[in-house]
Structure formats: C-alpha cells, structure tokens
C-alpha cells in the first residue's frame, strides 16, 4: 500500500431528551453547514436510532480534527441543553 492512513474520526453519541428529537434533528443541518468549510473535513453526518443520535466525523489528520471544535462550540452548547453526550470515540492512526 502506498498511501499513508492519516484519517481521524470523531464519533460522539447523544441521548436526546424526551420530546426533543425533532429539535435535535433540526439542529443537525447547522452543524453540517458549519463544518462544510473546515479544511480537512472529509465527511460529517448524523444517523439516528430512536432518541439516540450518532455523529460520524472524518478528518484528513489530527490537526483537521481539532480545528472545528471551536467552530461548533456554540452549537454544541445549545445541543447539550436538549441531549446528553453519552459516549465519545476517537479513531486514528497512532502517529
């Protein structure tokens, strides 16, 4: 294999508060719009299983993964009023 794997993924899981699924879903587009212009963002999407949301984020490298955290902080703070962050996974090459 000639390509070096530098892809880093951030995978937060949210438990949405009762009655807030529609509000959470509505806010997802704002996250996607904010991250669309981030350099190194390879993919950013949400999936749902009832009242559990999973955000699948992929970045070209570790620096790119850290970059959007500040960009989406205000949105995240609002989201945490209607959902709890229950799990956070980071997957990346050792380097």
N, C-alpha and C. Protein backbone atom coordinates (compact mmCIF):
# COMPACT_ATOMS: atom_id res chain seq x y z
N UNK A 1 0.86 -1.18 0.00
CA UNK A 1 0.00 0.00 0.00
C UNK A 1 0.91 1.24 0.00
N UNK A 2 0.61 2.19 -0.86
CA UNK A 2 1.47 3.36 -0.98
C UNK A 2 0.92 4.58 -0.25
N UNK A 3 -0.35 4.61 0.04
CA UNK A 3 -0.94 5.75 0.73
C UNK A 3 -0.87 5.58 2.24
N UNK A 4 -0.43 6.62 2.91
CA UNK A 4 -0.37 6.60 4.37
C UNK A 4 -1.74 6.99 4.94
N UNK A 5 -2.23 6.20 5.88
CA UNK A 5 -3.52 6.49 6.51
C UNK A 5 -3.35 7.57 7.56
N UNK A 6 -3.97 8.72 7.33
CA UNK A 6 -3.93 9.80 8.32
C UNK A 6 -5.34 10.17 8.80
N UNK A 7 -6.35 9.48 8.27
CA UNK A 7 -7.74 9.82 8.60
C UNK A 7 -8.01 9.64 10.09
N UNK A 8 -8.63 10.65 10.67
CA UNK A 8 -9.02 10.63 12.08
C UNK A 8 -10.53 10.81 12.16
N UNK A 9 -11.18 10.00 12.97
CA UNK A 9 -12.62 10.13 13.12
C UNK A 9 -12.99 10.48 14.55
N UNK A 10 -13.99 11.31 14.66
CA UNK A 10 -14.56 11.69 15.94
C UNK A 10 -16.01 11.21 15.92
N UNK A 11 -16.40 10.47 16.95
CA UNK A 11 -17.71 9.83 16.93
C UNK A 11 -18.44 10.08 18.25
N UNK A 12 -19.17 11.20 18.35
CA UNK A 12 -19.97 11.44 19.55
C UNK A 12 -21.35 10.79 19.43
N UNK A 13 -21.84 10.31 20.55
CA UNK A 13 -23.19 9.74 20.65
C UNK A 13 -23.99 10.60 21.63
N UNK A 14 -25.23 10.89 21.27
CA UNK A 14 -26.09 11.72 22.10
C UNK A 14 -27.37 10.98 22.44
N UNK A 15 -27.80 11.09 23.67
CA UNK A 15 -29.13 10.61 24.10
C UNK A 15 -30.01 11.85 24.16
N UNK A 16 -30.97 11.91 23.26
CA UNK A 16 -31.82 13.09 23.12
C UNK A 16 -32.91 13.06 24.20
N UNK A 17 -33.11 14.20 24.83
CA UNK A 17 -34.13 14.30 25.87
C UNK A 17 -35.51 14.05 25.29
N UNK A 18 -36.39 13.57 26.15
CA UNK A 18 -37.77 13.26 25.75
C UNK A 18 -38.42 14.47 25.08
N UNK A 19 -39.04 14.22 23.94
CA UNK A 19 -39.76 15.26 23.22
C UNK A 19 -38.88 16.21 22.42
N UNK A 20 -37.56 15.95 22.33
CA UNK A 20 -36.64 16.88 21.67
C UNK A 20 -36.01 16.33 20.38
N UNK A 21 -36.48 15.18 19.92
CA UNK A 21 -35.87 14.58 18.72
C UNK A 21 -35.99 15.51 17.52
N UNK A 22 -37.16 16.09 17.30
CA UNK A 22 -37.34 16.99 16.15
C UNK A 22 -36.43 18.21 16.26
N UNK A 23 -36.30 18.76 17.44
CA UNK A 23 -35.42 19.92 17.64
C UNK A 23 -33.97 19.53 17.39
N UNK A 24 -33.56 18.35 17.85
CA UNK A 24 -32.20 17.89 17.63
C UNK A 24 -31.94 17.72 16.14
N UNK A 25 -32.85 17.04 15.47
CA UNK A 25 -32.70 16.82 14.02
C UNK A 25 -32.61 18.15 13.27
N UNK A 26 -33.40 19.12 13.67
CA UNK A 26 -33.36 20.43 13.02
C UNK A 26 -32.00 21.09 13.19
N UNK A 27 -31.38 20.90 14.32
CA UNK A 27 -30.07 21.50 14.57
C UNK A 27 -28.92 20.83 13.84
N UNK A 28 -29.12 19.62 13.36
CA UNK A 28 -28.05 18.90 12.66
C UNK A 28 -27.57 19.64 11.42
N UNK A 29 -28.49 20.26 10.71
CA UNK A 29 -28.10 20.97 9.49
C UNK A 29 -27.16 22.13 9.79
N UNK A 30 -27.31 22.76 10.95
CA UNK A 30 -26.41 23.85 11.33
C UNK A 30 -25.00 23.32 11.57
N UNK A 31 -24.88 22.16 12.20
CA UNK A 31 -23.57 21.54 12.40
C UNK A 31 -22.92 21.22 11.05
N UNK A 32 -23.70 20.63 10.17
CA UNK A 32 -23.18 20.24 8.85
C UNK A 32 -22.73 21.48 8.08
N UNK A 33 -23.53 22.53 8.11
CA UNK A 33 -23.17 23.77 7.42
C UNK A 33 -21.89 24.37 7.97
N UNK A 34 -21.74 24.38 9.29
CA UNK A 34 -20.54 24.94 9.93
C UNK A 34 -19.28 24.17 9.57
N UNK A 35 -19.39 22.85 9.49
CA UNK A 35 -18.20 22.04 9.24
C UNK A 35 -17.88 21.92 7.75
N UNK A 36 -18.82 22.25 6.90
CA UNK A 36 -18.63 22.12 5.45
C UNK A 36 -17.40 22.89 4.96
N UNK A 37 -17.09 24.02 5.58
CA UNK A 37 -15.98 24.85 5.13
C UNK A 37 -14.68 24.56 5.87
N UNK A 38 -14.69 23.61 6.79
CA UNK A 38 -13.48 23.29 7.55
C UNK A 38 -12.47 22.59 6.64
N UNK A 39 -11.24 23.11 6.60
CA UNK A 39 -10.21 22.42 5.81
C UNK A 39 -9.94 21.04 6.41
N UNK A 40 -9.86 20.05 5.58
CA UNK A 40 -9.54 18.71 6.04
C UNK A 40 -10.73 17.89 6.48
N UNK A 41 -11.94 18.46 6.46
CA UNK A 41 -13.14 17.69 6.80
C UNK A 41 -13.51 16.82 5.61
N UNK A 42 -13.47 15.52 5.80
CA UNK A 42 -13.76 14.57 4.73
C UNK A 42 -15.23 14.16 4.71
N UNK A 43 -15.83 14.04 5.87
CA UNK A 43 -17.26 13.74 5.96
C UNK A 43 -17.79 14.14 7.32
N UNK A 44 -19.07 14.44 7.36
CA UNK A 44 -19.74 14.87 8.60
C UNK A 44 -21.22 14.60 8.41
N UNK A 45 -21.76 13.68 9.19
CA UNK A 45 -23.16 13.31 9.03
C UNK A 45 -23.71 12.76 10.34
N UNK A 46 -25.02 12.72 10.44
CA UNK A 46 -25.70 12.17 11.61
C UNK A 46 -26.53 10.96 11.21
N UNK A 47 -26.65 10.03 12.13
CA UNK A 47 -27.60 8.94 11.98
C UNK A 47 -28.35 8.80 13.30
N UNK A 48 -29.51 8.18 13.24
CA UNK A 48 -30.39 8.12 14.41
C UNK A 48 -30.91 6.71 14.63
N UNK A 49 -31.09 6.39 15.88
CA UNK A 49 -31.77 5.17 16.31
C UNK A 49 -32.72 5.60 17.42
N UNK A 50 -33.93 5.98 17.04
CA UNK A 50 -34.89 6.49 18.01
C UNK A 50 -34.41 7.79 18.61
N UNK A 51 -34.16 7.80 19.92
CA UNK A 51 -33.72 9.03 20.59
C UNK A 51 -32.21 9.06 20.83
N UNK A 52 -31.49 8.24 20.08
CA UNK A 52 -30.02 8.24 20.13
C UNK A 52 -29.50 8.74 18.79
N UNK A 53 -28.62 9.73 18.85
CA UNK A 53 -28.01 10.28 17.64
C UNK A 53 -26.52 9.98 17.65
N UNK A 54 -26.02 9.73 16.49
CA UNK A 54 -24.61 9.39 16.30
C UNK A 54 -24.08 10.33 15.21
N UNK A 55 -23.02 11.05 15.53
CA UNK A 55 -22.40 11.94 14.55
C UNK A 55 -21.12 11.27 14.06
N UNK A 56 -21.01 11.13 12.77
CA UNK A 56 -19.85 10.48 12.16
C UNK A 56 -19.03 11.55 11.46
N UNK A 57 -17.86 11.84 12.02
CA UNK A 57 -16.99 12.89 11.50
C UNK A 57 -15.66 12.30 11.07
N UNK A 58 -15.19 12.66 9.89
CA UNK A 58 -13.90 12.19 9.40
C UNK A 58 -13.05 13.36 8.94
N UNK A 59 -11.79 13.34 9.33
CA UNK A 59 -10.87 14.45 9.02
C UNK A 59 -9.58 13.89 8.44
N UNK A 60 -8.93 14.69 7.63
CA UNK A 60 -7.72 14.27 6.92
C UNK A 60 -6.58 13.92 7.87
N UNK A 61 -6.53 14.58 9.02
CA UNK A 61 -5.48 14.32 10.00
C UNK A 61 -5.89 14.89 11.36
N UNK A 62 -5.03 14.73 12.35
CA UNK A 62 -5.36 15.16 13.72
C UNK A 62 -5.58 16.67 13.81
N UNK A 63 -4.77 17.44 13.11
CA UNK A 63 -4.93 18.90 13.14
C UNK A 63 -6.30 19.30 12.60
N UNK A 64 -6.72 18.64 11.54
CA UNK A 64 -8.03 18.94 10.95
C UNK A 64 -9.16 18.53 11.89
N UNK A 65 -8.98 17.46 12.65
CA UNK A 65 -9.99 17.02 13.62
C UNK A 65 -10.19 18.06 14.71
N UNK A 66 -9.12 18.66 15.17
CA UNK A 66 -9.21 19.63 16.26
C UNK A 66 -9.75 20.98 15.81
N UNK A 67 -9.57 21.30 14.55
CA UNK A 67 -9.95 22.61 14.01
C UNK A 67 -11.42 22.99 14.22
N UNK A 68 -12.39 22.12 13.92
CA UNK A 68 -13.79 22.54 14.01
C UNK A 68 -14.35 22.61 15.43
N UNK A 69 -13.62 22.11 16.41
CA UNK A 69 -14.16 22.09 17.77
C UNK A 69 -14.57 23.49 18.23
N UNK A 70 -13.76 24.46 17.96
CA UNK A 70 -14.09 25.84 18.33
C UNK A 70 -15.23 26.38 17.46
N UNK A 71 -15.21 26.00 16.19
CA UNK A 71 -16.21 26.46 15.23
C UNK A 71 -17.63 26.04 15.62
N UNK A 72 -17.79 24.87 16.19
CA UNK A 72 -19.13 24.36 16.52
C UNK A 72 -19.45 24.45 18.01
N UNK A 73 -18.58 25.07 18.79
CA UNK A 73 -18.77 25.10 20.24
C UNK A 73 -20.12 25.68 20.65
N UNK A 74 -20.52 26.82 20.09
CA UNK A 74 -21.80 27.44 20.47
C UNK A 74 -22.96 26.51 20.13
N UNK A 75 -22.91 25.86 18.96
CA UNK A 75 -23.96 24.91 18.59
C UNK A 75 -23.99 23.72 19.55
N UNK A 76 -22.82 23.25 19.90
CA UNK A 76 -22.74 22.12 20.82
C UNK A 76 -23.32 22.48 22.18
N UNK A 77 -23.02 23.66 22.67
CA UNK A 77 -23.56 24.08 23.98
C UNK A 77 -25.08 24.12 23.95
N UNK A 78 -25.66 24.59 22.84
CA UNK A 78 -27.13 24.60 22.70
C UNK A 78 -27.68 23.18 22.62
N UNK A 79 -27.00 22.33 21.89
CA UNK A 79 -27.43 20.93 21.74
C UNK A 79 -27.43 20.21 23.08
N UNK A 80 -26.46 20.51 23.92
CA UNK A 80 -26.37 19.84 25.22
C UNK A 80 -27.48 20.26 26.18
N UNK A 81 -28.30 21.22 25.78
CA UNK A 81 -29.49 21.57 26.56
C UNK A 81 -30.65 20.62 26.27
N UNK A 82 -30.57 19.92 25.11
CA UNK A 82 -31.66 19.02 24.73
C UNK A 82 -31.20 17.58 24.56
N UNK A 83 -29.91 17.34 24.81
CA UNK A 83 -29.37 15.98 24.67
C UNK A 83 -28.14 15.84 25.56
N UNK A 84 -27.86 14.61 25.96
CA UNK A 84 -26.67 14.32 26.76
C UNK A 84 -25.65 13.61 25.88
N UNK A 85 -24.40 14.02 25.99
CA UNK A 85 -23.31 13.32 25.32
C UNK A 85 -23.03 12.06 26.15
N UNK A 86 -23.27 10.89 25.57
CA UNK A 86 -23.16 9.65 26.33
C UNK A 86 -21.88 8.89 26.03
N UNK A 87 -21.29 9.15 24.88
CA UNK A 87 -20.07 8.44 24.51
C UNK A 87 -19.34 9.27 23.46
N UNK A 88 -18.03 9.23 23.52
CA UNK A 88 -17.21 9.93 22.55
C UNK A 88 -16.05 9.02 22.16
N UNK A 89 -15.98 8.69 20.89
CA UNK A 89 -14.90 7.84 20.39
C UNK A 89 -14.02 8.65 19.46
N UNK A 90 -12.72 8.40 19.51
CA UNK A 90 -11.78 8.97 18.56
C UNK A 90 -11.01 7.80 17.98
N UNK A 91 -10.98 7.72 16.67
CA UNK A 91 -10.26 6.64 15.98
C UNK A 91 -9.25 7.29 15.04
N UNK A 92 -7.99 6.88 15.17
CA UNK A 92 -6.93 7.49 14.36
C UNK A 92 -5.70 6.60 14.36
N UNK A 93 -4.84 6.82 13.39
CA UNK A 93 -3.57 6.11 13.42
C UNK A 93 -2.75 6.56 14.64
N UNK A 94 -1.88 5.73 15.12
CA UNK A 94 -1.09 6.02 16.30
C UNK A 94 -0.34 7.34 16.17
N UNK A 95 0.22 7.61 15.01
CA UNK A 95 1.00 8.85 14.84
C UNK A 95 0.14 10.08 14.99
